[in-house]
Protein backbone atom coordinates (compact mmCIF):
# COMPACT_ATOMS: atom_id res chain seq x y z
CA UNK A 1 -64.33 -65.30 36.15
CA UNK A 2 -62.52 -67.65 38.52
CA UNK A 3 -62.83 -71.19 37.24
CA UNK A 4 -64.29 -73.94 39.39
CA UNK A 5 -62.89 -76.93 37.58
CA UNK A 6 -59.34 -77.57 36.44
CA UNK A 7 -59.12 -74.63 34.07
CA UNK A 8 -62.48 -72.92 33.83
CA UNK A 9 -65.23 -72.89 31.28
CA UNK A 10 -64.82 -74.09 27.71
CA UNK A 11 -62.14 -76.66 27.00
CA UNK A 12 -60.21 -77.41 30.17
CA UNK A 13 -56.63 -78.62 30.41
CA UNK A 14 -56.44 -82.34 30.97
CA UNK A 15 -54.14 -83.82 33.65
CA UNK A 16 -51.84 -85.15 30.94
CA UNK A 17 -51.60 -81.72 29.34
CA UNK A 18 -50.69 -80.22 32.70
CA UNK A 19 -47.78 -82.67 32.94
CA UNK A 20 -46.60 -81.70 29.46
CA UNK A 21 -46.77 -77.93 29.91
CA UNK A 22 -43.10 -77.66 30.82
CA UNK A 23 -42.10 -79.21 27.55
CA UNK A 24 -44.79 -77.87 25.19
CA UNK A 25 -44.65 -74.07 25.04
CA UNK A 26 -47.46 -72.29 23.24
CA UNK A 27 -45.25 -71.53 20.25
CA UNK A 28 -44.92 -75.24 19.56
CA UNK A 29 -48.67 -75.74 19.44
CA UNK A 30 -48.99 -73.30 16.56
CA UNK A 31 -45.74 -74.18 14.76
CA UNK A 32 -45.82 -75.44 11.22
CA UNK A 33 -49.53 -74.85 10.61
CA UNK A 34 -50.38 -75.33 6.97
CA UNK A 35 -50.32 -72.10 4.94
CA UNK A 36 -53.70 -71.64 3.31
CA UNK A 37 -52.17 -70.70 -0.03
CA UNK A 38 -50.87 -74.23 -0.42
CA UNK A 39 -54.44 -75.52 -0.73
CA UNK A 40 -56.34 -75.29 -3.99
CA UNK A 41 -59.57 -73.32 -3.57
CA UNK A 42 -62.59 -75.57 -3.08
CA UNK A 43 -66.04 -74.88 -4.47
CA UNK A 44 -68.97 -75.78 -2.21
CA UNK A 45 -71.43 -78.22 -3.74
CA UNK A 46 -74.80 -79.58 -2.71
CA UNK A 47 -73.80 -83.20 -3.38
CA UNK A 48 -70.45 -84.74 -2.35
CA UNK A 49 -68.21 -85.36 -5.37
CA UNK A 50 -65.27 -87.01 -3.58
CA UNK A 51 -64.18 -88.46 -0.24
CA UNK A 52 -65.80 -86.94 2.87
CA UNK A 53 -62.40 -86.17 4.41
CA UNK A 54 -58.89 -85.46 3.17
CA UNK A 55 -55.55 -85.44 4.95
CA UNK A 56 -53.65 -82.38 3.78
CA UNK A 57 -50.57 -80.32 4.50
CA UNK A 58 -47.82 -78.38 2.83
CA UNK A 59 -45.31 -80.44 0.79
CA UNK A 60 -42.62 -79.45 3.28
CA UNK A 61 -43.32 -78.46 6.88
CA UNK A 62 -40.84 -77.02 9.34
CA UNK A 63 -41.42 -77.52 13.03
CA UNK A 64 -39.44 -77.30 16.25
CA UNK A 65 -38.49 -79.75 18.94
CA UNK A 66 -38.45 -78.82 22.61
CA UNK A 67 -36.69 -81.31 24.87
CA UNK A 68 -37.05 -83.79 22.02
CA UNK A 69 -40.82 -83.41 21.73
CA UNK A 70 -42.55 -82.16 18.57
CA UNK A 71 -45.88 -80.49 19.21
CA UNK A 72 -47.06 -79.97 15.63
CA UNK A 73 -46.71 -82.09 12.51
CA UNK A 74 -48.35 -79.56 10.17
CA UNK A 75 -51.01 -82.18 9.35
CA UNK A 76 -54.65 -81.26 8.73
CA UNK A 77 -58.04 -82.79 7.99
CA UNK A 78 -60.29 -81.06 5.44
CA UNK A 79 -64.00 -81.54 4.72
CA UNK A 80 -63.93 -80.70 0.99
CA UNK A 81 -67.52 -81.11 -0.20
CA UNK A 82 -69.84 -81.07 2.80
CA UNK A 83 -69.54 -80.74 6.56
CA UNK A 84 -68.24 -83.87 8.29
CA UNK A 85 -70.14 -84.47 11.53
CA UNK A 86 -69.96 -87.27 14.11
CA UNK A 87 -72.39 -87.86 16.99
CA UNK A 88 -71.29 -90.04 19.90
CA UNK A 89 -73.71 -91.29 22.54
CA UNK A 90 -73.88 -93.63 25.52
CA UNK A 91 -77.29 -95.20 26.22
CA UNK A 92 -76.50 -95.77 29.91
CA UNK A 93 -73.53 -96.26 32.23
CA UNK A 94 -73.30 -99.95 31.26
CA UNK A 95 -73.21 -99.29 27.51
CA UNK A 96 -70.22 -98.45 25.31
CA UNK A 97 -69.85 -95.16 23.45
CA UNK A 98 -71.34 -95.44 19.96
CA UNK A 99 -70.08 -93.05 17.26
CA UNK A 100 -72.12 -92.33 14.13
CA UNK A 101 -71.12 -90.32 11.07
CA UNK A 102 -73.98 -88.07 9.99
CA UNK A 103 -73.45 -88.62 6.26
CA UNK A 104 -75.46 -86.77 3.58
CA UNK A 105 -77.34 -89.99 2.86
CA UNK A 106 -78.02 -90.89 6.50
CA UNK A 107 -76.28 -92.04 9.70
CA UNK A 108 -73.34 -94.44 9.27
CA UNK A 109 -71.96 -96.44 12.19
CA UNK A 110 -68.25 -95.93 12.75
CA UNK A 111 -65.99 -98.76 13.95
CA UNK A 112 -66.14 -99.73 17.61
CA UNK A 113 -62.73 -98.20 18.29
CA UNK A 114 -64.25 -94.78 17.50
CA UNK A 115 -65.97 -94.93 20.89
CA UNK A 116 -62.92 -95.83 22.94
CA UNK A 117 -63.18 -92.49 24.79
CA UNK A 118 -64.93 -89.12 24.66
CA UNK A 119 -61.65 -87.48 23.69
CA UNK A 120 -62.09 -88.13 19.97
CA UNK A 121 -62.13 -90.89 17.38
CA UNK A 122 -59.88 -93.70 18.57
CA UNK A 123 -56.92 -94.67 16.38
CA UNK A 124 -58.24 -92.65 13.45
CA UNK A 125 -54.91 -91.81 11.79
CA UNK A 126 -51.68 -93.76 11.52
CA UNK A 127 -48.58 -91.55 11.30
CA UNK A 128 -45.19 -92.98 10.31
CA UNK A 129 -41.99 -90.93 10.36
CA UNK A 130 -39.01 -92.26 8.39
CA UNK A 131 -35.44 -91.00 8.57
CA UNK A 132 -33.43 -90.20 5.45
CA UNK A 133 -31.98 -93.72 5.48
CA UNK A 134 -35.45 -95.28 5.43
CA UNK A 135 -35.50 -96.46 9.04
CA UNK A 136 -38.61 -95.77 11.10
CA UNK A 137 -38.26 -93.08 13.77
CA UNK A 138 -41.89 -93.15 14.92
CA UNK A 139 -45.03 -95.12 14.07
CA UNK A 140 -48.29 -94.49 15.86
CA UNK A 141 -52.05 -94.78 15.51
CA UNK A 142 -53.47 -91.52 16.82
CA UNK A 143 -56.80 -90.58 18.35
CA UNK A 144 -58.29 -87.53 16.63
CA UNK A 145 -60.59 -84.86 18.04
CA UNK A 146 -62.28 -83.25 15.04
CA UNK A 147 -63.07 -80.18 17.16
CA UNK A 148 -59.60 -78.75 16.77
CA UNK A 149 -58.46 -75.54 18.43
CA UNK A 150 -56.91 -74.58 15.11
CA UNK A 151 -59.61 -74.45 12.45
CA UNK A 152 -59.40 -72.36 9.27
CA UNK A 153 -61.30 -71.74 6.07
CA UNK A 154 -59.68 -73.17 2.95
CA UNK A 155 -61.54 -71.07 0.40
CA UNK A 156 -63.26 -67.68 0.13
CA UNK A 157 -66.39 -69.63 -0.84
CA UNK A 158 -66.38 -71.51 2.49
CA UNK A 159 -68.98 -70.69 5.15
CA UNK A 160 -67.83 -67.80 7.33
CA UNK A 161 -68.32 -69.68 10.59
CA UNK A 162 -68.07 -73.19 11.92
CA UNK A 163 -70.91 -74.34 14.20
CA UNK A 164 -68.87 -77.05 15.92
CA UNK A 165 -67.51 -77.06 19.48
CA UNK A 166 -63.90 -76.35 20.32
CA UNK A 167 -62.31 -79.39 21.92
CA UNK A 168 -63.75 -82.75 22.92
CA UNK A 169 -65.24 -83.58 26.33
CA UNK A 170 -63.43 -85.67 28.91
CA UNK A 171 -65.86 -85.76 31.86
CA UNK A 172 -66.16 -89.47 32.77
CA UNK A 173 -69.96 -89.23 32.85
CA UNK A 174 -70.42 -87.46 29.53
CA UNK A 175 -73.59 -88.66 27.81
CA UNK A 176 -73.20 -87.42 24.24
CA UNK A 177 -70.84 -85.38 22.09
CA UNK A 178 -70.68 -83.75 18.68
CA UNK A 179 -67.52 -83.44 16.58
CA UNK A 180 -67.30 -81.85 13.20
CA UNK A 181 -65.40 -80.04 10.49
CA UNK A 182 -67.29 -77.38 8.55
CA UNK A 183 -67.47 -77.65 4.75
CA UNK A 184 -64.29 -76.26 3.14
CA UNK A 185 -62.65 -75.87 6.53
CA UNK A 186 -59.58 -77.62 7.88
CA UNK A 187 -58.80 -78.82 11.39
CA UNK A 188 -55.24 -79.44 12.51
CA UNK A 189 -54.34 -82.90 13.76
CA UNK A 190 -53.32 -82.14 17.34
CA UNK A 191 -51.34 -84.25 19.77
CA UNK A 192 -52.46 -83.02 23.19
CA UNK A 193 -51.73 -86.17 25.11
CA UNK A 194 -48.80 -87.84 23.32
CA UNK A 195 -46.48 -85.56 21.34
CA UNK A 196 -44.07 -87.18 18.93
CA UNK A 197 -40.47 -87.50 20.04
CA UNK A 198 -38.25 -86.71 17.06
CA UNK A 199 -34.66 -85.48 17.01
CA UNK A 200 -33.73 -82.55 14.79
CA UNK A 201 -33.47 -83.72 11.19
CA UNK A 202 -35.50 -84.37 8.05
CA UNK A 203 -38.24 -87.00 7.97
CA UNK A 204 -40.70 -88.40 5.48
CA UNK A 205 -44.15 -88.42 7.08
CA UNK A 206 -46.86 -90.76 5.83
CA UNK A 207 -50.27 -90.17 7.40
CA UNK A 208 -53.12 -92.56 6.65
CA UNK A 209 -56.71 -92.86 7.82
CA UNK A 210 -56.82 -96.35 9.30
CA UNK A 211 -58.54 -99.16 7.40
CA UNK A 212 -61.60 -99.59 9.64
CA UNK A 213 -62.54 -95.95 9.11
CA UNK A 214 -61.82 -96.09 5.37
CA UNK A 215 -64.34 -98.89 5.02
CA UNK A 216 -66.99 -97.02 7.03
CA UNK A 217 -66.43 -93.81 5.05
CA UNK A 218 -66.33 -95.55 1.66
CA UNK A 219 -62.80 -94.34 0.92
CA UNK A 220 -59.87 -95.99 -0.79
CA UNK A 221 -56.43 -96.23 0.79
CA UNK A 222 -55.10 -93.68 -1.69
CA UNK A 223 -57.84 -91.18 -0.83
CA UNK A 224 -57.00 -91.50 2.86
CA UNK A 225 -53.22 -91.01 2.61
CA UNK A 226 -50.91 -87.98 2.64
CA UNK A 227 -47.09 -87.98 2.39
CA UNK A 228 -44.85 -84.98 2.97
CA UNK A 229 -41.47 -83.85 4.31
CA UNK A 230 -41.07 -82.74 7.93
CA UNK A 231 -38.02 -80.70 8.91
CA UNK A 232 -37.44 -80.71 12.67
CA UNK A 233 -35.25 -77.96 14.12
CA UNK A 234 -33.98 -77.32 17.65
CA UNK A 235 -36.32 -75.18 19.73
CA UNK A 236 -35.28 -73.11 22.71
CA UNK A 237 -36.33 -74.35 26.13
CA UNK A 238 -39.07 -72.19 27.59
CA UNK A 239 -40.96 -72.41 30.85
CA UNK A 240 -43.49 -69.83 29.75
CA UNK A 241 -46.87 -71.24 28.80
CA UNK A 242 -49.37 -68.80 27.36
CA UNK A 243 -53.03 -69.63 27.78
CA UNK A 244 -55.37 -69.08 24.89
CA UNK A 245 -57.08 -65.72 24.86
CA UNK A 246 -60.71 -65.76 25.85
CA UNK A 247 -62.97 -65.38 22.83
CA UNK A 248 -66.28 -64.92 24.51
CA UNK A 249 -68.15 -61.74 25.20
CA UNK A 250 -69.75 -61.43 28.63
CA UNK A 251 -73.40 -60.57 28.39
CA UNK A 252 -74.76 -58.32 31.12
CA UNK A 253 -78.33 -57.65 32.14
CA UNK A 254 -79.56 -54.13 32.61
CA UNK A 255 -78.23 -52.62 35.83
CA UNK A 256 -81.76 -51.70 36.89
CA UNK A 257 -83.62 -54.31 38.93
CA UNK A 258 -87.12 -55.24 37.68
CA UNK A 259 -89.94 -53.48 39.53
CA UNK A 260 -92.05 -56.63 39.83
CA UNK A 261 -91.26 -60.10 41.17
CA UNK A 262 -92.42 -61.60 37.89
CA UNK A 263 -93.52 -60.57 34.43
CA UNK A 264 -94.45 -62.43 31.28
CA UNK A 265 -94.33 -66.21 31.33
CA UNK A 266 -92.09 -69.12 30.34
CA UNK A 267 -92.52 -70.28 26.75
CA UNK A 268 -92.36 -73.77 25.30
CA UNK A 269 -88.56 -73.76 25.58
CA UNK A 270 -87.24 -74.41 29.08
CA UNK A 271 -84.11 -75.61 30.83
CA UNK A 272 -84.08 -79.07 32.40
CA UNK A 273 -81.56 -79.44 35.23
CA UNK A 274 -80.18 -82.91 35.85
CA UNK A 275 -77.40 -84.23 38.08
CA UNK A 276 -74.56 -86.57 37.18
CA UNK A 277 -73.23 -89.08 39.73
CA UNK A 278 -70.61 -87.72 42.13
CA UNK A 279 -67.09 -88.78 41.20
CA UNK A 280 -63.42 -88.16 41.98
CA UNK A 281 -64.06 -89.18 45.59
CA UNK A 282 -61.28 -89.45 48.15
CA UNK A 283 -60.74 -89.24 51.92
CA UNK A 284 -58.58 -86.53 53.43
CA UNK A 285 -55.21 -87.77 54.79
CA UNK A 286 -56.58 -87.83 58.34
CA UNK A 287 -59.72 -89.69 57.20
CA UNK A 288 -62.09 -87.08 58.62
CA UNK A 289 -63.41 -85.59 55.37
CA UNK A 290 -64.86 -87.17 52.23
CA UNK A 291 -64.18 -84.98 49.17
CA UNK A 292 -65.99 -85.31 45.82
CA UNK A 293 -66.65 -83.67 42.46
CA UNK A 294 -70.18 -82.97 41.25
CA UNK A 295 -71.86 -81.82 38.03
CA UNK A 296 -75.31 -80.40 37.36
CA UNK A 297 -76.17 -80.01 33.68
CA UNK A 298 -78.90 -78.63 31.46
CA UNK A 299 -80.69 -81.24 29.35
CA UNK A 300 -83.38 -78.82 28.17
CA UNK A 301 -83.74 -76.92 24.93
CA UNK A 302 -83.26 -73.46 26.49
CA UNK A 303 -80.53 -71.92 28.63
CA UNK A 304 -80.92 -71.57 32.39
CA UNK A 305 -80.42 -67.81 32.81
CA UNK A 306 -80.20 -66.19 36.23
CA UNK A 307 -79.72 -62.41 36.50
CA UNK A 308 -78.62 -60.78 39.74
CA UNK A 309 -79.24 -57.18 40.89
CA UNK A 310 -78.33 -55.26 44.04
CA UNK A 311 -78.72 -51.78 45.36
CA UNK A 312 -75.68 -49.63 46.12
CA UNK A 313 -75.88 -50.41 49.85
CA UNK A 314 -76.96 -54.07 49.63
CA UNK A 315 -74.73 -57.02 50.49
CA UNK A 316 -76.85 -59.47 48.46
CA UNK A 317 -78.36 -59.56 44.99
CA UNK A 318 -81.92 -60.41 44.12
CA UNK A 319 -81.88 -63.27 41.59
CA UNK A 320 -84.32 -63.53 38.67
CA UNK A 321 -84.70 -66.41 36.23
CA UNK A 322 -85.07 -65.10 32.69
CA UNK A 323 -87.18 -66.97 30.13
CA UNK A 324 -86.48 -66.85 26.39
CA UNK A 325 -88.05 -68.17 23.22
CA UNK A 326 -86.39 -70.26 20.53
CA UNK A 327 -84.83 -67.14 19.00
CA UNK A 328 -83.32 -66.01 22.28
CA UNK A 329 -85.81 -63.21 22.90
CA UNK A 330 -86.91 -62.62 26.49
CA UNK A 331 -90.50 -63.68 27.18
CA UNK A 332 -90.57 -63.11 30.93
CA UNK A 333 -88.79 -63.40 34.26
CA UNK A 334 -89.43 -64.49 37.84
CA UNK A 335 -87.66 -63.83 41.14
CA UNK A 336 -86.13 -67.13 42.26
CA UNK A 337 -83.80 -66.35 45.16
CA UNK A 338 -80.65 -64.48 46.05
CA UNK A 339 -76.98 -64.23 45.14
CA UNK A 340 -74.26 -63.74 47.75
CA UNK A 341 -70.62 -62.68 47.57
CA UNK A 342 -68.73 -65.93 48.25
CA UNK A 343 -65.34 -65.07 49.72
CA UNK A 344 -64.32 -68.62 50.64
CA UNK A 345 -61.04 -70.12 49.51
CA UNK A 346 -60.95 -70.85 45.72
CA UNK A 347 -64.15 -68.89 44.97
CA UNK A 348 -64.18 -65.09 45.48
CA UNK A 349 -67.17 -64.25 43.31
CA UNK A 350 -70.97 -64.09 43.33
CA UNK A 351 -72.91 -67.29 43.95
CA UNK A 352 -76.56 -68.15 43.37
CA UNK A 353 -77.96 -69.82 46.50
CA UNK A 354 -80.75 -71.97 45.05
CA UNK A 355 -79.05 -74.13 42.44
CA UNK A 356 -77.92 -77.44 43.99
CA UNK A 357 -77.50 -79.38 47.23
CA UNK A 358 -75.13 -82.17 48.30
CA UNK A 359 -76.16 -84.75 50.91
CA UNK A 360 -74.58 -87.88 52.31
CA UNK A 361 -77.39 -90.38 52.87
CA UNK A 362 -77.55 -93.40 55.16
CA UNK A 363 -78.18 -96.86 53.73
CA UNK A 364 -81.93 -96.25 54.11
CA UNK A 365 -81.59 -93.01 52.06
CA UNK A 366 -82.18 -90.71 55.06
CA UNK A 367 -79.83 -87.75 55.33
CA UNK A 368 -76.75 -88.27 57.50
CA UNK A 369 -74.71 -85.16 56.57
CA UNK A 370 -75.36 -82.14 54.39
CA UNK A 371 -72.47 -80.36 52.71
CA UNK A 372 -71.98 -76.74 53.69
CA UNK A 373 -71.64 -76.00 49.98
CA UNK A 374 -75.01 -74.40 49.15
CA UNK A 375 -74.25 -71.65 46.62
CA UNK A 376 -72.93 -71.76 43.08
CA UNK A 377 -71.81 -69.66 40.13
CA UNK A 378 -73.37 -71.12 37.00
CA UNK A 379 -70.86 -71.75 34.22
CA UNK A 380 -70.46 -74.06 31.22
CA UNK A 381 -67.47 -76.09 32.36
CA UNK A 382 -68.27 -79.41 30.60
CA UNK A 383 -69.93 -80.61 27.43
CA UNK A 384 -72.20 -83.29 28.91
CA UNK A 385 -74.47 -84.07 25.95
CA UNK A 386 -74.35 -82.00 22.78
CA UNK A 387 -76.73 -84.38 21.02
CA UNK A 388 -79.80 -83.18 22.98
CA UNK A 389 -82.25 -81.03 20.97
CA UNK A 390 -81.30 -77.38 21.16
CA UNK A 391 -77.80 -78.01 22.50
CA UNK A 392 -75.50 -74.99 22.27
CA UNK A 393 -72.28 -76.31 20.72
CA UNK A 394 -70.41 -73.06 21.30
CA UNK A 395 -71.59 -71.74 24.68
CA UNK A 396 -68.62 -69.39 25.02
CA UNK A 397 -69.60 -67.57 21.84
CA UNK A 398 -73.24 -66.81 22.62
CA UNK A 399 -74.68 -63.55 23.86
CA UNK A 400 -75.77 -65.36 27.01
CA UNK A 401 -72.41 -65.98 28.64
CA UNK A 402 -71.61 -66.57 32.30
CA UNK A 403 -70.21 -63.93 34.60
CA UNK A 404 -69.48 -64.58 38.26
CA UNK A 405 -68.72 -60.90 38.78
CA UNK A 406 -66.43 -59.13 41.19
CA UNK A 407 -66.99 -57.55 44.59
CA UNK A 408 -68.07 -54.26 43.04
CA UNK A 409 -70.65 -55.76 40.67
CA UNK A 410 -74.17 -54.37 40.93
CA UNK A 411 -75.64 -56.70 38.30
CA UNK A 412 -74.55 -59.85 36.49
CA UNK A 413 -75.83 -62.74 34.44
CA UNK A 414 -75.14 -66.44 35.04
CA UNK A 415 -75.99 -69.02 32.37
CA UNK A 416 -76.00 -72.79 32.00
CA UNK A 417 -76.43 -73.55 28.29
CA UNK A 418 -78.32 -76.55 26.85
CA UNK A 419 -76.07 -79.62 26.73
CA UNK A 420 -73.47 -78.19 29.11
CA UNK A 421 -72.73 -78.99 32.72
CA UNK A 422 -71.45 -77.02 35.69
CA UNK A 423 -68.76 -78.95 37.57
CA UNK A 424 -67.34 -78.19 40.98
CA UNK A 425 -64.17 -80.27 41.41
CA UNK A 426 -63.34 -81.89 44.73
CA UNK A 427 -60.53 -79.46 45.54
CA UNK A 428 -63.01 -76.56 45.77
CA UNK A 429 -64.12 -75.30 49.16
CA UNK A 430 -67.31 -76.99 50.33
CA UNK A 431 -67.04 -80.08 48.13
CA UNK A 432 -66.88 -82.33 51.19
CA UNK A 433 -68.65 -84.15 54.03
CA UNK A 434 -67.38 -84.62 57.58
CA UNK A 435 -67.40 -88.40 58.14
CA UNK A 436 -65.17 -88.86 61.21
CA UNK A 437 -68.22 -89.21 63.47
CA UNK A 438 -70.05 -91.64 61.18
CA UNK A 439 -69.99 -95.42 61.72
CA UNK A 440 -68.70 -97.76 59.05
CA UNK A 441 -71.26 -98.90 56.54
CA UNK A 442 -73.06 -98.13 53.27
CA UNK A 443 -73.83 -94.53 52.32
CA UNK A 444 -74.98 -92.63 49.23
CA UNK A 445 -73.60 -89.34 47.92
CA UNK A 446 -76.64 -87.46 46.59
CA UNK A 447 -76.32 -84.53 44.16
CA UNK A 448 -79.60 -82.62 43.79
CA UNK A 449 -80.31 -79.83 41.32
CA UNK A 450 -82.89 -77.15 42.12
CA UNK A 451 -83.40 -78.50 45.66
CA UNK A 452 -86.06 -76.00 46.74
CA UNK A 453 -87.92 -76.02 43.43
CA UNK A 454 -87.53 -72.28 42.93
CA UNK A 455 -86.22 -72.57 39.37
CA UNK A 456 -88.69 -73.19 36.55
CA UNK A 457 -87.74 -76.22 34.44
CA UNK A 458 -89.40 -78.91 32.35
CA UNK A 459 -89.16 -81.60 35.03
CA UNK A 460 -87.99 -81.99 38.62
CA UNK A 461 -88.19 -85.80 38.65
CA UNK A 462 -84.66 -86.18 37.24
CA UNK A 463 -82.83 -83.76 39.53
CA UNK A 464 -81.12 -86.24 41.88
CA UNK A 465 -78.21 -88.60 41.21
CA UNK A 466 -76.91 -90.95 43.90
CA UNK A 467 -73.57 -92.77 44.20
CA UNK A 468 -73.13 -95.74 46.55
CA UNK A 469 -70.03 -95.81 48.77
CA UNK A 470 -68.75 -97.81 51.75
CA UNK A 471 -66.82 -96.49 54.75
CA UNK A 472 -64.68 -99.01 56.59
CA UNK A 473 -61.46 -99.32 58.57
CA UNK A 474 -60.57 -97.80 61.93
CA UNK A 475 -60.69 -94.19 63.17
CA UNK A 476 -56.95 -93.88 62.52
CA UNK A 477 -57.05 -95.77 59.22
CA UNK A 478 -60.37 -94.96 57.53
CA UNK A 479 -61.05 -96.49 54.13
CA UNK A 480 -63.37 -95.59 51.27
CA UNK A 481 -64.82 -97.85 48.57
CA UNK A 482 -66.84 -96.37 45.69
CA UNK A 483 -69.20 -98.59 43.71
CA UNK A 484 -68.33 -98.55 40.05
CA UNK A 485 -71.08 -97.52 37.66
CA UNK A 486 -71.33 -99.80 34.64
CA UNK A 487 -68.37 -99.57 32.27
CA UNK A 488 -67.29 -96.08 33.35
CA UNK A 489 -63.58 -95.94 34.18
CA UNK A 490 -62.86 -92.88 36.30
CA UNK A 491 -59.40 -91.32 36.38
CA UNK A 492 -57.63 -91.48 39.76
CA UNK A 493 -59.18 -89.12 42.30
CA UNK A 494 -55.97 -87.16 42.70
CA UNK A 495 -56.28 -85.96 39.08
CA UNK A 496 -59.32 -83.89 40.05
């Protein structure tokens, strides 16, 4: 599938990671991972008998430095007695992110710094590196995403699978997230945004959970500390960057189109499509085009499943919405539109035509311009709110996975899972309005899900999100102002 956002579905590469690719080859990201045999086997227990988290690692870890940057410290977090789970939510765009530890005895509020961003728990661990002579080479408080890419069981008694997502969200309008470490599993402490800069040599590393978190978790300073030796060796420069192999299986519908336009009926579980405010807005260099990013997400307790079918001589596919029960069994289907082969720049796959609509509205909310972007391939590009009931924390690992297909496809399945959003970034074809013939003034960018009401969902009253903007300046020097929403700080538009 060709991705629509910066690096496709699942965890996407952040702008900072893109800048660091030339100095962080894939080998570095997996270097010095703790060998499981260095951990004592843990026995699962119904009641916690010790601290909820432990910092662990081998007594001596060897890692490599590329261009002076160390990508792995061989440091891990373990949940020894019971799963460690954190829910983060934002009540509205004016409210801060609030993080809560779901402890065995009930929710526990984490310190305010835990909600500094959606990227993890702010300043969770302090890491100090000392040289052989005792001088400090590095000292940093690090943000931690518990949903590490590198998770492993620490004992044969540990659960076989972890239910938690891979990676933390970074969409500026995320509403809720879930982080966690499964019982008797470890998660590596990763440094995606700010790798340590250490010269080759031997260092004493002291890692400590910071005091505000220790108090919230009921831990002592000793319980939250780990000291070990880090040996840093020269690494060879490499421009090769290997992406992570896709883990998901692509589910396909039967290749035979249903004989009827509908059968069965929706159950109690349904999708609920909602729109997030447009963001990442910018004018083209000549000032003629307003570009934007937009996200439609599923707030319901069931996936939005759309199957497409075409005959051997057809240029279009008939699209059917598939309904499932709580166990994922099909209860019915209904014809809801068509899919077309979208051969425009940056797409080249099958699009469903009845999913969303973009409009630029006048100050009185009447339509001034409609975007020519009117077809979409459904995909789980962003974790918008994994705290909603029924949210799928691992959408890439379900049997209902998204496929945009290729030109020879005769059937395919597109899915938007509960809690996930489908983002089209502003560099994609069609994510734009022509504004060169519009007068200066106030306008609204409207993102509307399910515009024709063909899709069956729990509610259509929450399908539209509007963002206020102002156009000003002269025809040769057009200017754009975007009204800020609450406390949300958007990255610069060029990073989209």
